[in-house]
Protein backbone atom coordinates (compact mmCIF):
# COMPACT_ATOMS: atom_id res chain seq x y z
CA MET A 1 -0.08 -0.07 0.10
CA GLU A 2 1.13 3.37 -1.07
CA LYS A 3 1.20 6.22 1.60
CA THR A 4 0.97 10.11 0.56
CA LEU A 5 0.85 13.60 2.17
CA VAL A 6 -2.22 15.71 1.64
CA LEU A 7 -2.07 19.38 2.91
CA ILE A 8 -5.45 21.16 3.09
CA LYS A 9 -4.01 24.47 2.65
CA PRO A 10 -5.11 28.01 4.07
CA ASP A 11 -7.53 28.93 1.62
CA ALA A 12 -9.51 25.52 1.88
CA MET A 13 -9.39 25.92 5.76
CA GLN A 14 -10.44 29.53 5.51
CA ARG A 15 -13.27 28.60 3.21
CA GLY A 16 -14.58 25.73 5.48
CA LEU A 17 -13.73 23.27 2.76
CA ALA A 18 -11.77 20.62 4.76
CA GLY A 19 -14.56 18.21 5.34
CA GLU A 20 -15.27 18.37 1.60
CA VAL A 21 -11.65 17.50 0.67
CA LEU A 22 -11.52 14.68 3.16
CA SER A 23 -14.75 13.44 2.10
CA ARG A 24 -13.82 13.12 -1.60
CA LEU A 25 -10.57 11.45 -0.90
CA GLU A 26 -12.25 8.89 1.43
CA ARG A 27 -14.97 8.31 -0.94
CA ARG A 28 -12.41 7.45 -3.31
CA GLY A 29 -11.44 4.67 -1.34
CA LEU A 30 -8.19 6.01 0.48
CA ARG A 31 -7.74 5.34 4.12
CA ILE A 32 -6.59 8.09 6.38
CA ILE A 33 -3.74 6.95 8.67
CA ALA A 34 -2.52 10.15 10.29
CA THR A 35 -4.03 13.53 10.60
CA LYS A 36 -2.70 16.70 12.19
CA PHE A 37 -4.16 20.38 12.60
CA VAL A 38 -1.04 22.34 12.39
CA GLN A 39 0.16 26.05 12.10
CA ILE A 40 3.14 25.63 9.85
CA SER A 41 6.21 27.77 10.75
CA ASP A 42 8.32 29.64 8.51
CA GLU A 43 11.27 26.93 9.17
CA LEU A 44 8.82 24.07 8.43
CA ALA A 45 7.51 25.88 5.33
CA ARG A 46 10.98 26.22 3.92
CA GLN A 47 11.84 22.73 4.71
CA HIS A 48 8.66 21.29 2.93
CA TYR A 49 8.95 23.57 -0.02
CA SER A 50 12.98 23.23 -0.32
CA GLU A 51 12.80 22.34 -3.81
CA HIS A 52 11.35 25.78 -4.85
CA GLU A 53 13.76 27.93 -2.74
CA GLY A 54 15.36 30.42 -5.13
CA LYS A 55 12.42 30.55 -7.39
CA PRO A 56 10.73 34.08 -7.57
CA PHE A 57 7.45 32.62 -6.17
CA PHE A 58 9.15 31.00 -3.32
CA PRO A 59 8.64 33.90 -0.67
CA GLY A 60 4.86 34.17 -1.60
CA LEU A 61 4.66 30.51 -1.14
CA VAL A 62 5.83 30.42 2.21
CA ASP A 63 3.81 33.50 3.22
CA TYR A 64 0.65 31.73 2.15
CA ILE A 65 1.25 28.35 3.58
CA THR A 66 2.12 29.98 6.96
CA SER A 67 -1.01 32.54 6.94
CA SER A 68 -3.34 30.05 8.52
CA PRO A 69 -3.37 26.44 10.08
CA VAL A 70 -3.66 23.56 7.73
CA LEU A 71 -4.78 20.14 8.10
CA ALA A 72 -2.08 17.57 7.26
CA VAL A 73 -3.30 14.33 6.33
CA ILE A 74 -1.66 10.86 5.22
CA PHE A 75 -3.62 8.84 3.15
CA GLU A 76 -2.97 5.08 2.61
CA GLY A 77 -4.35 2.82 -0.39
CA THR A 78 -3.41 1.21 -3.72
CA ASN A 79 -1.76 3.71 -5.98
CA ALA A 80 -2.56 6.39 -3.47
CA VAL A 81 -0.25 9.01 -4.98
CA SER A 82 -2.04 8.68 -8.25
CA ALA A 83 -5.52 8.42 -6.79
CA VAL A 84 -4.79 11.54 -4.67
CA ARG A 85 -3.62 13.46 -7.68
CA ALA A 86 -6.49 12.54 -9.90
CA THR A 87 -8.90 13.40 -7.33
CA VAL A 88 -7.28 16.94 -6.63
CA GLY A 89 -6.79 17.74 -10.33
CA SER A 90 -4.12 19.92 -12.09
CA THR A 91 -2.16 22.42 -10.04
CA ASN A 92 -3.71 25.32 -11.93
CA PRO A 93 -7.55 25.16 -11.25
CA ALA A 94 -8.56 26.79 -14.60
CA GLU A 95 -7.13 23.74 -16.13
CA ALA A 96 -8.33 21.15 -13.83
CA ASN A 97 -11.16 18.84 -14.96
CA ALA A 98 -14.72 19.19 -13.60
CA GLY A 99 -15.13 16.66 -10.88
CA THR A 100 -11.93 17.36 -9.34
CA ILE A 101 -11.35 19.23 -6.05
CA ARG A 102 -9.40 22.06 -7.91
CA GLY A 103 -11.68 21.98 -10.76
CA ASP A 104 -14.92 22.38 -8.71
CA LEU A 105 -13.90 24.65 -6.03
CA GLY A 106 -10.60 26.60 -7.06
CA ILE A 107 -10.01 29.56 -9.52
CA GLU A 108 -6.31 30.51 -9.11
CA THR A 109 -2.90 28.49 -9.07
CA GLY A 110 -1.80 30.24 -5.79
CA ARG A 111 -5.05 29.36 -4.01
CA ASN A 112 -5.54 25.68 -5.32
CA LEU A 113 -6.79 24.39 -1.85
CA VAL A 114 -4.66 21.50 -1.58
CA HIS A 115 -1.04 20.14 -1.85
CA ALA A 116 -0.79 16.60 -2.66
CA SER A 117 2.71 14.76 -3.01
CA ASP A 118 3.93 14.26 -6.58
CA SER A 119 5.51 10.78 -6.07
CA VAL A 120 6.01 7.85 -3.58
CA GLU A 121 9.27 9.24 -2.44
CA SER A 122 8.06 12.88 -2.01
CA GLY A 123 5.17 11.29 0.00
CA ILE A 124 7.37 9.63 2.34
CA ARG A 125 9.77 12.62 2.43
CA GLU A 126 6.88 15.16 3.06
CA SER A 127 5.14 12.68 5.74
CA ASN A 128 8.16 12.40 7.81
CA ILE A 129 8.50 16.40 7.81
CA PHE A 130 4.89 16.65 9.42
CA PHE A 131 4.45 13.35 11.35
CA ASP A 132 6.62 11.29 13.67
CA GLN A 133 6.21 7.46 13.16
CA SER A 134 4.35 7.13 16.33
CA GLU A 135 1.56 9.32 15.01
CA ILE A 136 0.97 7.00 11.95
CA TYR A 137 -1.54 4.32 12.48
CA SER A 138 -1.95 1.73 9.66
CA TRP A 139 -5.20 -0.02 10.22
CA ASN A 140 -7.95 -2.01 8.25
CA ARG A 141 -11.56 -0.83 8.04
CA SER A 142 -14.23 -3.26 7.46
CA ILE A 143 -14.93 -1.90 3.92
CA ASP A 144 -11.47 -2.44 2.77
CA GLU A 145 -12.17 -5.96 1.18
CA TRP A 146 -14.56 -3.94 -0.95
CA VAL A 147 -12.07 -1.44 -2.00
CA PHE A 148 -8.73 -3.11 -2.26
CA GLU A 149 -7.88 -6.48 -4.21
């Protein structure tokens, strides 16, 4: 089973969309194995977005992600990374398909509601930034036999 990190970003939190985001990903069949409501510090933001350091948009990205608490969630499931990314939609909401979180609820790239890890490796790295191993709970739901082969 793959694991992937999702951050429900400040704009989604301010708009009261956390439940909608969680619901869509759970209805997809993904299992929540960790969750944390967190105010991201400047240091944590710089660590999380380190691959963007030096790019012109980096300061604005750090200011934005630290502007409000976020909900950090680790989801688990078969092909979890691609399942989350397909459900979330394109980074630019104007290009995201209808039926995706960003396509239905977002308008601008800088306010695109959700961060989703882009690979299994990123999911592991990012999850380790936000969670200690003692905060992650792999478990089985009674519906899992109807979701996973």
